[in-house]
Amino acid sequence: MPLTATTVVVPIDFSSESPRAIAAALDVVAAGSQLHLVHVMPPLETMSPGFLVGEITEESRRQKVIAALHKLACRITRSATLPRNSRLTP
């Protein structure tokens, strides 16, 4: 009997390995299940000051990550066959 899940959470760091994590998750997504893409951002104060270029706020970073996750979700739904009644949540 194949492994299936009703809720699948995929950690996304936008590295070259992220597509492999998504592919593995798609293998276990069942009909009517939910696939969540999750990216955790470190707070700005924990990042090196030399790392930042220009004016960056927590909100602008959050919006950029949400946009990137939505773009990724659109690519997934166009290229993969999700089971009927499944939901992908970035």
Protein backbone atom coordinates (compact mmCIF):
# COMPACT_ATOMS: atom_id res chain seq x y z
CA MET A 1 0.00 0.00 0.00
CA PRO A 2 1.53 3.37 -1.01
CA LEU A 3 2.16 6.06 1.59
CA THR A 4 -0.33 8.95 1.39
CA ALA A 5 -0.94 11.94 3.64
CA THR A 6 -3.76 14.42 4.15
CA THR A 7 -1.43 17.30 5.06
CA VAL A 8 2.08 17.63 3.66
CA VAL A 9 4.46 20.44 4.70
CA VAL A 10 7.47 21.14 2.47
CA PRO A 11 10.31 23.30 3.82
CA ILE A 12 11.53 25.62 1.05
CA ASP A 13 14.86 27.44 1.18
CA PHE A 14 14.92 28.26 -2.56
CA SER A 15 18.09 26.19 -3.00
CA SER A 16 18.68 23.75 -5.84
CA GLU A 17 17.34 20.99 -3.55
CA SER A 18 13.90 22.58 -3.08
CA PRO A 19 12.46 21.02 -6.26
CA ARG A 20 13.48 17.57 -5.02
CA ALA A 21 11.67 18.18 -1.73
CA ILE A 22 8.56 19.23 -3.65
CA ALA A 23 8.76 16.17 -5.91
CA ALA A 24 8.98 13.89 -2.87
CA ALA A 25 5.96 15.62 -1.31
CA LEU A 26 3.95 15.25 -4.52
CA ASP A 27 4.58 11.50 -4.35
CA VAL A 28 2.61 11.24 -1.09
CA VAL A 29 -0.14 13.85 -1.63
CA ALA A 30 -3.55 12.17 -1.58
CA ALA A 31 -6.81 13.36 -3.12
CA GLY A 32 -8.37 16.07 -0.97
CA SER A 33 -5.11 16.71 0.86
CA GLN A 34 -3.22 19.93 1.48
CA LEU A 35 0.35 20.70 0.38
CA HIS A 36 1.93 23.60 2.30
CA LEU A 37 5.13 25.35 1.20
CA VAL A 38 6.98 26.85 4.19
CA HIS A 39 9.99 29.19 4.26
CA VAL A 40 11.42 30.42 7.56
CA MET A 41 13.21 33.77 7.51
CA PRO A 42 15.72 34.76 10.19
CA PRO A 43 14.97 38.15 11.76
CA LEU A 44 16.86 41.08 10.20
CA GLU A 45 18.76 41.74 13.42
CA THR A 46 20.39 38.30 13.24
CA MET A 47 21.83 38.98 9.79
CA SER A 48 25.23 40.53 9.16
CA PRO A 49 24.98 44.30 8.43
CA GLY A 50 27.21 43.88 5.36
CA PHE A 51 24.69 41.42 3.96
CA LEU A 52 21.98 44.03 3.45
CA VAL A 53 21.86 46.36 0.46
CA GLY A 54 19.55 49.35 0.60
CA GLU A 55 16.47 49.83 2.73
CA ILE A 56 15.00 46.48 3.71
CA THR A 57 12.23 46.01 6.24
CA GLU A 58 10.73 42.85 7.72
CA GLU A 59 7.53 43.55 5.79
CA SER A 60 9.30 44.01 2.44
CA ARG A 61 11.23 40.75 2.99
CA ARG A 62 8.01 38.98 3.95
CA GLN A 63 6.23 40.23 0.82
CA LYS A 64 9.12 39.14 -1.43
CA VAL A 65 9.14 35.64 0.07
CA ILE A 66 5.35 35.34 -0.24
CA ALA A 67 5.59 36.41 -3.90
CA ALA A 68 8.36 33.87 -4.53
CA LEU A 69 6.33 31.10 -2.85
CA HIS A 70 3.24 32.00 -4.93
CA LYS A 71 5.35 31.91 -8.10
CA LEU A 72 6.70 28.50 -7.09
CA ALA A 73 3.19 27.25 -6.30
CA CYS A 74 1.99 28.35 -9.75
CA ARG A 75 4.87 26.49 -11.40
CA ILE A 76 4.04 23.36 -9.39
CA THR A 77 0.37 23.41 -10.29
CA ARG A 78 1.18 23.91 -13.99
CA SER A 79 3.85 21.20 -14.15
CA ALA A 80 2.50 18.58 -11.71
CA THR A 81 -0.74 16.72 -11.55
CA LEU A 82 -2.19 17.29 -8.11
CA PRO A 83 -4.86 14.85 -6.99
CA ARG A 84 -8.43 16.06 -7.43
CA ASN A 85 -9.64 18.38 -4.64
CA SER A 86 -6.09 18.91 -3.36
CA ARG A 87 -4.99 22.35 -2.22
CA LEU A 88 -1.54 23.94 -2.47
CA THR A 89 -0.86 26.67 0.08
CA PRO A 90 2.27 28.86 -0.14
